[in-house]
Amino acid sequence: MQDHPQAERYRPDPRIAKLAGWLADPVEAADFPRRNLRFRNDRAAATVGLSDLTDEQWVAHFGNFEPLPDNLPQPLALRYHGHQFQVYNPDIGDGRGFLFAQMRDSRGRLLDLGTKGSGRTPYSRDGDGRLTLKGAVREILATEMLEALGVNTSKTFSVIETGEELWRGDEPSPTRSAVLVRLSHGHIRIGTFQRLSAYEDRDHMAALIDYCLETYPGPLPPEDAPGRYEPGVILLHQVVERLARMSASYMAAGFVHGVLNTDNMNISGESFDYGPWRWLPKWDPAFTAAYFDHSGLYAFGRQPAAIHWNCAQLAVALRLVVSGDDPLVAAVDRFSGVYREAMAEHFLWRLGLVPRGIEEDVKLIGTSEVHMRENGIGPDAFFFAHRGGREAPAGEFGNLLPQWEPVDGATDHSLWSGDSAPSLVIDEVERIWSSIDKHDDWSALNQKIAEIRDLGAALGPFARTSR
């Protein structure tokens, strides 16, 4: 079973309020024509003590946005800048969402409830501040699948249909509207630091670093790292490691995020904000998710490099408060080594094999990729077929595979004796949406969520290996 600890009680802790004067703007939620509850994630709600809410209470908090007890008295639209497709943009911020509440989970972690589609803010520019229902359904699917595949991701907490007709240039319009709430381990982005750097705001930069080190604790840098005890250097080392691991988890999942801008990089290392995502239909490093990514900047195979580049932009921002460049360069240079190790861990975990050593594991990954490319195989089919080292085909991959020992119980779950594992290629996503759009039939979505959660149970929780 996946590890979903139960919170004993709701524990509000709106710590970000002390930063709100310079980090955010108080805003009001939109007044929607109606509020029809479509999805409530009681599994996630249980971890923060909110699963006992009635549907009426749920809609009051996550559709009307009545404040939760002892929490933020008013939603906050966060301020940030960012590189969008590696072009710096100072005119962004929370344009259709806000931070609604903070609370502790049963592990003591501080978690945020944030929104998408909750109305206009000072950063909406020409946008309407709304979210399509299709976008909300897609985010449910993305977060459920990523969680099952061992990716550190935000959770889709709530989706409420709001009764407006939205016009979008990239899909049939008018289309239905929704407001989404996500549960995540923070909303501080690389772009948050970039904004303070642009304003040369040293005092608030230092305060934000302190907040992040306290809220998202992690280890000190390696003993030989220059500037090891400087707060900004400590934070950069932690973020580089987290984002290297996130990028590796994307690759092992066969997932393409689509928009890896610095304003979409959470310094907690948690993946979030899902727009034009895709899962690979076959293993293709050049595969892109966003129709507007004309150069393939964020293509599947370029994701680690793009995220590495984003880490370098955080280093540039932190120059404001760090003594010299050497400590920052040393931190960013750790990305590749951490990524390589994490990729081996995630890949072997998904195969259900015991790691043999980094060099041998990396060789297996390389031959696996060649095998998938040459045979036109997608990652979902590949990992299902060879779970626990079974069905070794002819060729170099088939010769290597038997050298790895399966983990205990690798194929015990009934899912592995079926015909295939669930996948989320685009045709499947469109089929699910079509049932909702044309017939208001949510059964296909609910069935897919159940299948994905069953996959998560079959894989078991991802855990780092000791090397």
Protein backbone atom coordinates (compact mmCIF):
# COMPACT_ATOMS: atom_id res chain seq x y z
CA MET A 1 0.00 0.00 0.00
CA GLN A 2 1.06 3.59 -0.57
CA ASP A 3 2.02 5.58 2.48
CA HIS A 4 -0.78 8.02 3.30
CA PRO A 5 -0.47 8.92 6.98
CA GLN A 6 -3.62 10.00 8.75
CA ALA A 7 -3.68 13.32 10.58
CA GLU A 8 -5.13 13.11 14.08
CA ARG A 9 -6.64 16.57 13.79
CA TYR A 10 -6.74 19.77 11.77
CA ARG A 11 -3.73 21.88 12.78
CA PRO A 12 -3.78 25.37 11.23
CA ASP A 13 -0.47 27.20 11.01
CA PRO A 14 -0.59 30.21 8.65
CA ARG A 15 3.10 31.01 9.00
CA ILE A 16 3.33 32.82 5.69
CA ALA A 17 1.22 35.64 7.14
CA LYS A 18 4.35 37.18 8.65
CA LEU A 19 5.79 37.58 5.12
CA ALA A 20 2.58 38.61 3.43
CA GLY A 21 3.22 42.36 3.50
CA TRP A 22 5.99 42.05 0.92
CA LEU A 23 5.35 38.61 -0.58
CA ALA A 24 1.67 38.75 -1.52
CA ASP A 25 -1.49 40.79 -1.99
CA PRO A 26 -4.79 40.10 -0.21
CA VAL A 27 -7.50 39.27 -2.76
CA GLU A 28 -11.14 38.19 -2.96
CA ALA A 29 -12.39 35.03 -4.59
CA ALA A 30 -14.73 35.29 -7.57
CA ASP A 31 -18.47 35.05 -6.96
CA PHE A 32 -19.43 32.07 -9.09
CA PRO A 33 -22.95 31.51 -10.51
CA ARG A 34 -23.08 28.03 -8.98
CA ARG A 35 -20.91 25.55 -7.14
CA ASN A 36 -21.27 21.90 -8.07
CA LEU A 37 -18.85 19.62 -6.20
CA ARG A 38 -17.21 17.27 -8.70
CA PHE A 39 -14.19 15.87 -6.89
CA ARG A 40 -13.05 15.79 -3.27
CA ASN A 41 -9.83 14.03 -2.38
CA ASP A 42 -10.60 12.54 1.00
CA ARG A 43 -7.35 10.59 0.93
CA ALA A 44 -5.41 13.84 0.84
CA ALA A 45 -7.85 15.62 3.15
CA ALA A 46 -7.29 12.99 5.83
CA THR A 47 -3.60 13.89 6.01
CA VAL A 48 -4.49 17.43 7.15
CA GLY A 49 -7.53 16.66 9.26
CA LEU A 50 -10.20 17.85 6.81
CA SER A 51 -11.79 14.62 5.57
CA ASP A 52 -14.69 14.87 8.02
CA LEU A 53 -16.10 18.00 6.38
CA THR A 54 -19.61 17.56 5.02
CA ASP A 55 -20.10 18.32 1.33
CA GLU A 56 -21.84 21.54 2.35
CA GLN A 57 -18.87 22.58 4.49
CA TRP A 58 -16.48 21.54 1.72
CA VAL A 59 -18.21 23.77 -0.83
CA ALA A 60 -18.35 26.64 1.66
CA HIS A 61 -14.56 26.52 2.10
CA PHE A 62 -13.41 25.45 -1.37
CA GLY A 63 -16.11 27.04 -3.54
CA ASN A 64 -17.12 30.13 -1.57
CA PHE A 65 -13.69 30.29 0.11
CA GLU A 66 -14.93 31.00 3.58
CA PRO A 67 -11.75 31.00 5.74
CA LEU A 68 -10.85 27.81 7.53
CA PRO A 69 -10.79 28.16 11.35
CA ASP A 70 -7.73 29.98 12.73
CA ASN A 71 -6.19 30.21 9.28
CA LEU A 72 -5.52 32.99 6.79
CA PRO A 73 -8.31 35.57 7.15
CA GLN A 74 -8.12 36.45 3.45
CA PRO A 75 -6.58 34.72 0.41
CA LEU A 76 -3.14 35.86 -0.73
CA ALA A 77 -2.03 36.24 -4.36
CA LEU A 78 1.71 35.63 -4.33
CA ARG A 79 4.17 37.94 -6.08
CA TYR A 80 6.93 36.56 -8.27
CA HIS A 81 8.81 37.01 -11.53
CA GLY A 82 10.17 34.28 -13.76
CA HIS A 83 11.83 33.06 -16.91
CA GLN A 84 9.15 31.86 -19.31
CA PHE A 85 10.75 29.74 -22.02
CA GLN A 86 14.01 31.28 -20.76
CA VAL A 87 12.86 34.86 -21.38
CA TYR A 88 12.64 36.95 -18.22
CA ASN A 89 9.19 38.30 -17.39
CA PRO A 90 8.67 40.66 -14.43
CA ASP A 91 4.92 40.98 -15.08
CA ILE A 92 3.67 37.77 -13.55
CA GLY A 93 2.39 36.51 -10.22
CA ASP A 94 -0.69 34.58 -9.13
CA GLY A 95 -3.03 35.59 -11.93
CA ARG A 96 -5.83 33.08 -11.39
CA GLY A 97 -5.06 31.57 -8.05
CA PHE A 98 -4.18 32.35 -4.46
CA LEU A 99 -2.88 30.81 -1.27
CA PHE A 100 -5.90 29.99 0.85
CA ALA A 101 -4.66 28.22 3.98
CA GLN A 102 -1.72 26.49 5.68
CA MET A 103 -1.78 23.57 8.08
CA ARG A 104 0.40 20.79 9.46
CA ASP A 105 0.06 17.18 8.37
CA SER A 106 0.57 14.19 10.65
CA ARG A 107 4.31 14.25 9.87
CA GLY A 108 4.55 17.83 11.03
CA ARG A 109 5.12 19.22 7.53
CA LEU A 110 3.60 22.60 6.70
CA LEU A 111 1.26 22.22 3.71
CA ASP A 112 -0.57 24.83 1.64
CA LEU A 113 -3.99 24.90 0.08
CA GLY A 114 -3.77 26.93 -3.11
CA THR A 115 -6.23 27.54 -5.91
CA LYS A 116 -6.48 27.62 -9.68
CA GLY A 117 -9.35 29.41 -11.39
CA SER A 118 -10.49 31.36 -8.32
CA GLY A 119 -10.79 34.75 -10.03
CA ARG A 120 -8.84 37.80 -11.09
CA THR A 121 -5.96 39.23 -9.07
CA PRO A 122 -3.59 42.20 -9.55
CA TYR A 123 -1.48 39.85 -11.72
CA SER A 124 -4.20 38.62 -14.08
CA ARG A 125 -3.21 41.03 -16.86
CA ASP A 126 -5.58 40.22 -19.76
CA GLY A 127 -6.69 36.89 -18.28
CA ASP A 128 -10.11 36.17 -16.85
CA GLY A 129 -8.76 34.41 -13.76
CA ARG A 130 -10.75 31.28 -14.57
CA LEU A 131 -10.02 27.59 -15.18
CA THR A 132 -11.77 25.31 -17.64
CA LEU A 133 -13.40 22.20 -16.26
CA LYS A 134 -11.33 20.21 -18.73
CA GLY A 135 -8.16 21.73 -17.27
CA ALA A 136 -9.30 20.70 -13.80
CA VAL A 137 -10.05 17.14 -14.92
CA ARG A 138 -6.63 16.94 -16.55
CA GLU A 139 -4.98 18.10 -13.33
CA ILE A 140 -6.79 15.41 -11.34
CA LEU A 141 -5.47 12.78 -13.73
CA ALA A 142 -1.92 14.16 -13.81
CA THR A 143 -1.52 14.38 -10.05
CA GLU A 144 -3.06 10.97 -9.39
CA MET A 145 -0.81 9.28 -11.97
CA LEU A 146 2.34 11.08 -10.87
CA GLU A 147 1.70 10.16 -7.25
CA ALA A 148 1.27 6.51 -8.22
CA LEU A 149 4.54 6.62 -10.20
CA GLY A 150 6.60 7.92 -7.29
CA VAL A 151 6.81 11.59 -8.27
CA ASN A 152 6.75 14.16 -5.47
CA THR A 153 3.68 16.06 -6.64
CA SER A 154 0.97 18.38 -5.43
CA LYS A 155 -2.38 16.70 -4.83
CA THR A 156 -5.59 17.76 -6.52
CA PHE A 157 -7.67 18.40 -3.41
CA SER A 158 -10.97 19.68 -4.76
CA VAL A 159 -12.72 20.49 -8.04
CA ILE A 160 -15.99 22.45 -8.07
CA GLU A 161 -17.79 23.30 -11.29
CA THR A 162 -18.72 26.98 -11.28
CA GLY A 163 -21.36 27.45 -13.98
CA GLU A 164 -19.64 29.96 -16.25
CA GLU A 165 -19.02 29.71 -20.00
CA LEU A 166 -15.37 30.27 -20.85
CA TRP A 167 -13.88 31.13 -24.22
CA ARG A 168 -10.47 29.72 -25.07
CA GLY A 169 -8.60 29.97 -28.33
CA ASP A 170 -7.04 26.52 -28.09
CA GLU A 171 -10.15 24.40 -27.43
CA PRO A 172 -13.83 24.32 -28.46
CA SER A 173 -15.68 27.20 -26.81
CA PRO A 174 -17.71 28.07 -24.89
CA THR A 175 -16.54 25.50 -22.40
CA ARG A 176 -17.38 24.74 -18.79
CA SER A 177 -15.61 26.36 -15.83
CA ALA A 178 -14.26 25.13 -12.51
CA VAL A 179 -12.24 26.15 -9.48
CA LEU A 180 -9.53 23.78 -8.31
CA VAL A 181 -7.80 23.55 -4.95
CA ARG A 182 -4.41 21.85 -4.65
CA LEU A 183 -2.67 20.59 -1.54
CA SER A 184 1.06 21.11 -1.79
CA HIS A 185 4.23 21.46 0.20
CA GLY A 186 4.48 25.21 -0.34
CA HIS A 187 4.18 27.71 -3.17
CA ILE A 188 7.56 29.45 -2.97
CA ARG A 189 9.07 29.40 -6.45
CA ILE A 190 12.44 30.16 -7.99
CA GLY A 191 10.62 33.17 -9.46
CA THR A 192 9.85 34.41 -5.94
CA PHE A 193 13.58 34.84 -5.35
CA GLN A 194 14.10 36.31 -8.81
CA ARG A 195 11.64 39.10 -8.01
CA LEU A 196 13.48 40.08 -4.83
CA SER A 197 16.78 39.97 -6.69
CA ALA A 198 15.42 42.24 -9.42
CA TYR A 199 14.46 44.78 -6.75
CA GLU A 200 17.80 44.29 -4.93
CA ASP A 201 15.78 43.65 -1.78
CA ARG A 202 18.45 42.04 0.43
CA ASP A 203 16.53 42.16 3.69
CA HIS A 204 13.48 40.37 2.37
CA MET A 205 15.64 37.94 0.42
CA ALA A 206 17.35 36.97 3.68
CA ALA A 207 13.98 36.67 5.41
CA LEU A 208 12.62 34.44 2.64
CA ILE A 209 15.68 32.19 2.82
CA ASP A 210 15.21 31.82 6.57
CA TYR A 211 11.52 31.00 6.09
CA CYS A 212 12.34 28.33 3.50
CA LEU A 213 15.10 26.72 5.57
CA GLU A 214 12.74 26.52 8.52
CA THR A 215 9.71 25.36 6.54
CA TYR A 216 11.45 22.89 4.21
CA PRO A 217 14.33 21.57 6.32
CA GLY A 218 17.11 19.60 4.69
CA PRO A 219 20.72 18.56 5.18
CA LEU A 220 23.74 20.79 5.16
CA PRO A 221 25.82 20.81 1.96
CA PRO A 222 28.71 18.31 1.66
CA GLU A 223 31.52 18.91 4.12
CA ASP A 224 33.89 20.17 1.43
CA ALA A 225 31.37 22.58 -0.08
CA PRO A 226 32.47 26.23 -0.08
CA GLY A 227 30.24 28.52 1.97
CA ARG A 228 28.73 25.48 3.69
CA TYR A 229 27.15 27.45 6.52
CA GLU A 230 25.80 30.42 4.57
CA PRO A 231 21.98 30.29 4.54
CA GLY A 232 21.69 31.08 0.83
CA VAL A 233 24.22 28.39 -0.05
CA ILE A 234 22.48 25.83 2.15
CA LEU A 235 19.16 26.58 0.46
CA LEU A 236 20.62 26.34 -3.05
CA HIS A 237 22.18 22.94 -2.34
CA GLN A 238 18.85 21.68 -1.04
CA VAL A 239 16.87 23.02 -3.99
CA VAL A 240 19.35 21.65 -6.53
CA GLU A 241 19.12 18.19 -5.00
CA ARG A 242 15.31 18.29 -4.80
CA LEU A 243 14.85 19.48 -8.37
CA ALA A 244 17.40 17.01 -9.74
CA ARG A 245 15.39 14.24 -8.09
CA MET A 246 12.15 15.66 -9.44
CA SER A 247 13.50 15.72 -12.99
CA ALA A 248 14.67 12.10 -12.67
CA SER A 249 11.24 11.07 -11.46
CA TYR A 250 9.67 12.73 -14.54
CA MET A 251 11.95 10.73 -16.82
CA ALA A 252 11.29 7.38 -15.16
CA ALA A 253 7.56 8.14 -15.26
CA GLY A 254 7.69 8.93 -18.98
CA PHE A 255 6.11 12.30 -18.17
CA VAL A 256 6.43 15.60 -20.03
CA HIS A 257 5.45 18.61 -17.92
CA GLY A 258 5.39 21.00 -20.85
CA VAL A 259 6.08 24.35 -19.15
CA LEU A 260 9.21 24.20 -17.00
CA ASN A 261 9.48 27.93 -16.39
CA THR A 262 11.18 29.25 -13.26
CA ASP A 263 7.82 30.43 -11.91
CA ASN A 264 6.70 26.77 -12.08
CA MET A 265 9.65 25.50 -10.00
CA ASN A 266 8.70 24.96 -6.37
CA ILE A 267 11.76 25.20 -4.10
CA SER A 268 10.36 22.31 -2.05
CA GLY A 269 11.13 20.08 -5.06
CA GLU A 270 7.47 19.26 -5.48
CA SER A 271 6.04 19.12 -9.00
CA PHE A 272 2.95 21.25 -9.55
CA ASP A 273 0.93 23.42 -11.95
CA TYR A 274 -0.14 21.11 -14.77
CA GLY A 275 -1.13 22.61 -18.11
CA PRO A 276 -0.19 20.95 -21.43
CA TRP A 277 1.32 17.79 -19.91
CA ARG A 278 1.59 14.49 -21.75
CA TRP A 279 2.70 10.93 -21.08
CA LEU A 280 4.90 9.36 -23.73
CA PRO A 281 3.10 7.09 -26.21
CA LYS A 282 6.57 5.71 -26.99
CA TRP A 283 10.06 6.50 -25.73
CA ASP A 284 11.01 9.59 -27.71
CA PRO A 285 13.39 12.22 -26.27
CA ALA A 286 12.09 14.80 -28.79
CA PHE A 287 8.45 14.45 -27.75
CA THR A 288 6.89 17.78 -26.64
CA ALA A 289 3.72 18.42 -24.66
CA ALA A 290 2.94 22.06 -25.47
CA TYR A 291 1.84 22.98 -29.00
CA PHE A 292 3.50 26.38 -28.47
CA ASP A 293 6.91 24.86 -27.63
CA HIS A 294 8.11 25.35 -31.18
CA SER A 295 11.82 24.85 -30.44
CA GLY A 296 11.31 21.77 -28.24
CA LEU A 297 12.91 23.57 -25.30
CA TYR A 298 10.92 21.47 -22.84
CA ALA A 299 10.85 18.24 -24.84
CA PHE A 300 10.89 15.02 -22.84
CA GLY A 301 14.63 14.41 -23.18
CA ARG A 302 15.54 18.04 -22.46
CA GLN A 303 13.69 18.28 -19.16
CA PRO A 304 16.72 17.61 -16.90
CA ALA A 305 18.76 20.25 -18.74
CA ALA A 306 15.89 22.75 -18.50
CA ILE A 307 15.49 22.19 -14.76
CA HIS A 308 19.27 22.41 -14.28
CA TRP A 309 19.17 25.77 -16.08
CA ASN A 310 16.42 26.90 -13.73
CA CYS A 311 18.59 26.01 -10.74
CA ALA A 312 21.29 28.25 -12.19
CA GLN A 313 18.78 31.12 -12.29
CA LEU A 314 18.13 30.62 -8.59
CA ALA A 315 21.88 30.83 -8.05
CA VAL A 316 21.97 34.11 -9.96
CA ALA A 317 19.21 35.49 -7.74
CA LEU A 318 20.97 34.38 -4.56
CA ARG A 319 24.11 36.32 -5.52
CA LEU A 320 22.34 39.22 -3.85
CA VAL A 321 23.09 37.75 -0.39
CA VAL A 322 25.89 35.19 -0.93
CA SER A 323 29.58 36.01 -0.68
CA GLY A 324 31.19 35.22 -4.04
CA ASP A 325 30.16 32.95 -6.90
CA ASP A 326 32.16 29.82 -6.06
CA PRO A 327 29.71 28.47 -3.44
CA LEU A 328 26.79 28.94 -5.85
CA VAL A 329 28.58 27.34 -8.79
CA ALA A 330 29.55 24.37 -6.62
CA ALA A 331 25.93 23.87 -5.59
CA VAL A 332 24.56 24.01 -9.14
CA ASP A 333 27.29 21.65 -10.34
CA ARG A 334 25.91 18.93 -8.06
CA PHE A 335 22.79 18.62 -10.21
CA SER A 336 24.10 16.08 -12.72
CA GLY A 337 25.45 13.65 -10.14
CA VAL A 338 22.29 13.76 -8.05
CA TYR A 339 20.14 13.35 -11.17
CA ARG A 340 22.12 10.29 -12.31
CA GLU A 341 21.70 8.57 -8.96
CA ALA A 342 18.03 9.48 -8.68
CA MET A 343 17.29 8.29 -12.21
CA ALA A 344 18.77 4.89 -11.36
CA GLU A 345 16.72 4.72 -8.17
CA HIS A 346 13.43 5.60 -9.85
CA PHE A 347 14.01 3.41 -12.90
CA LEU A 348 14.96 0.33 -10.87
CA TRP A 349 12.08 0.96 -8.46
CA ARG A 350 9.60 1.00 -11.31
CA LEU A 351 11.11 -2.19 -12.75
CA GLY A 352 10.92 -3.82 -9.32
CA LEU A 353 14.62 -4.70 -9.32
CA VAL A 354 17.29 -4.50 -6.65
CA PRO A 355 20.02 -1.98 -7.60
CA ARG A 356 23.41 -3.51 -8.39
CA GLY A 357 25.53 -0.36 -8.34
CA ILE A 358 25.33 2.97 -10.07
CA GLU A 359 27.44 2.09 -13.12
CA GLU A 360 25.61 -1.16 -13.80
CA ASP A 361 22.21 0.40 -13.16
CA VAL A 362 22.93 3.29 -15.53
CA LYS A 363 23.98 0.79 -18.20
CA LEU A 364 20.68 -1.03 -17.81
CA ILE A 365 18.81 2.27 -18.20
CA GLY A 366 20.71 3.06 -21.39
CA THR A 367 19.99 -0.32 -22.96
CA SER A 368 16.35 -0.05 -21.85
CA GLU A 369 16.01 3.28 -23.63
CA VAL A 370 17.54 1.87 -26.81
CA HIS A 371 15.22 -1.13 -26.61
CA MET A 372 12.15 1.11 -26.27
CA ARG A 373 13.21 3.43 -29.10
CA GLU A 374 14.09 0.66 -31.51
CA ASN A 375 10.87 -1.23 -30.85
CA GLY A 376 8.50 1.74 -30.56
CA ILE A 377 7.53 0.83 -27.00
CA GLY A 378 6.08 3.25 -24.50
CA PRO A 379 7.37 3.33 -20.90
CA ASP A 380 4.10 2.09 -19.38
CA ALA A 381 4.14 -1.05 -21.53
CA PHE A 382 7.87 -1.52 -21.00
CA PHE A 383 7.81 -1.36 -17.21
CA PHE A 384 4.74 -3.59 -17.06
CA ALA A 385 6.23 -6.23 -19.34
CA HIS A 386 9.54 -6.42 -17.45
CA ARG A 387 8.40 -5.88 -13.86
CA GLY A 388 10.57 -7.99 -11.58
CA GLY A 389 12.87 -8.89 -14.47
CA ARG A 390 10.33 -10.99 -16.32
CA GLU A 391 10.07 -11.59 -20.08
CA ALA A 392 13.62 -10.77 -21.09
CA PRO A 393 13.60 -10.30 -24.91
CA ALA A 394 16.44 -11.05 -27.32
CA GLY A 395 19.21 -8.49 -27.65
CA GLU A 396 21.48 -6.53 -25.32
CA PHE A 397 18.66 -5.49 -23.00
CA GLY A 398 17.43 -9.07 -22.70
CA ASN A 399 20.94 -10.27 -21.94
CA LEU A 400 21.41 -7.70 -19.17
CA LEU A 401 18.02 -7.92 -17.49
CA PRO A 402 18.47 -11.33 -15.78
CA GLN A 403 21.51 -10.01 -13.91
CA TRP A 404 19.24 -7.99 -11.60
CA GLU A 405 17.45 -9.57 -8.67
CA PRO A 406 13.74 -8.74 -8.25
CA VAL A 407 12.69 -7.02 -5.05
CA ASP A 408 10.64 -9.12 -2.66
CA GLY A 409 7.03 -9.28 -3.83
CA ALA A 410 7.77 -7.37 -7.04
CA THR A 411 4.93 -9.05 -8.95
CA ASP A 412 2.71 -10.27 -6.10
CA HIS A 413 -0.05 -7.70 -6.64
CA SER A 414 -2.88 -8.87 -8.88
CA LEU A 415 -2.29 -5.95 -11.27
CA TRP A 416 0.88 -7.62 -12.55
CA SER A 417 -1.02 -10.71 -13.67
CA GLY A 418 -3.35 -8.63 -15.87
CA ASP A 419 -2.91 -7.65 -19.50
CA SER A 420 -1.47 -4.16 -18.93
CA ALA A 421 -1.01 -1.34 -16.45
CA PRO A 422 -3.09 1.85 -16.64
CA SER A 423 -1.71 4.60 -18.84
CA LEU A 424 -2.60 8.23 -19.55
CA VAL A 425 -1.70 8.83 -23.16
CA ILE A 426 -3.65 11.65 -24.77
CA ASP A 427 -6.33 9.47 -26.41
CA GLU A 428 -7.30 8.09 -23.01
CA VAL A 429 -7.48 11.58 -21.50
CA GLU A 430 -9.66 12.81 -24.34
CA ARG A 431 -11.97 9.81 -23.99
CA ILE A 432 -12.49 10.56 -20.31
CA TRP A 433 -13.15 14.23 -20.99
CA SER A 434 -15.54 13.45 -23.86
CA SER A 435 -17.77 11.42 -21.53
CA ILE A 436 -17.97 14.37 -19.15
CA ASP A 437 -18.35 17.03 -21.82
CA LYS A 438 -21.00 15.30 -23.93
CA HIS A 439 -22.94 13.26 -21.38
CA ASP A 440 -21.93 14.64 -17.96
CA ASP A 441 -20.79 11.09 -17.29
CA TRP A 442 -18.05 11.01 -14.63
CA SER A 443 -17.82 7.23 -14.38
CA ALA A 444 -14.82 6.94 -16.73
CA LEU A 445 -12.88 9.46 -14.63
CA ASN A 446 -13.76 7.73 -11.38
CA GLN A 447 -12.83 4.35 -12.84
CA LYS A 448 -9.48 5.70 -14.07
CA ILE A 449 -8.69 7.19 -10.65
CA ALA A 450 -9.40 3.79 -9.07
CA GLU A 451 -7.14 2.06 -11.62
CA ILE A 452 -4.35 4.56 -11.03
CA ARG A 453 -4.56 4.17 -7.26
CA ASP A 454 -4.43 0.41 -7.75
CA LEU A 455 -1.23 0.90 -9.75
CA GLY A 456 0.15 2.93 -6.86
CA ALA A 457 -0.65 0.11 -4.47
CA ALA A 458 0.98 -2.42 -6.82
CA LEU A 459 4.18 -0.38 -7.09
CA GLY A 460 4.30 0.49 -3.39
CA PRO A 461 5.86 3.69 -2.07
CA PHE A 462 9.02 4.97 -3.71
CA ALA A 463 11.97 4.97 -1.33
CA ARG A 464 15.53 6.11 -1.93
CA THR A 465 18.14 3.37 -1.90
CA SER A 466 21.43 3.50 -0.04
CA ARG A 467 24.47 3.21 -2.28
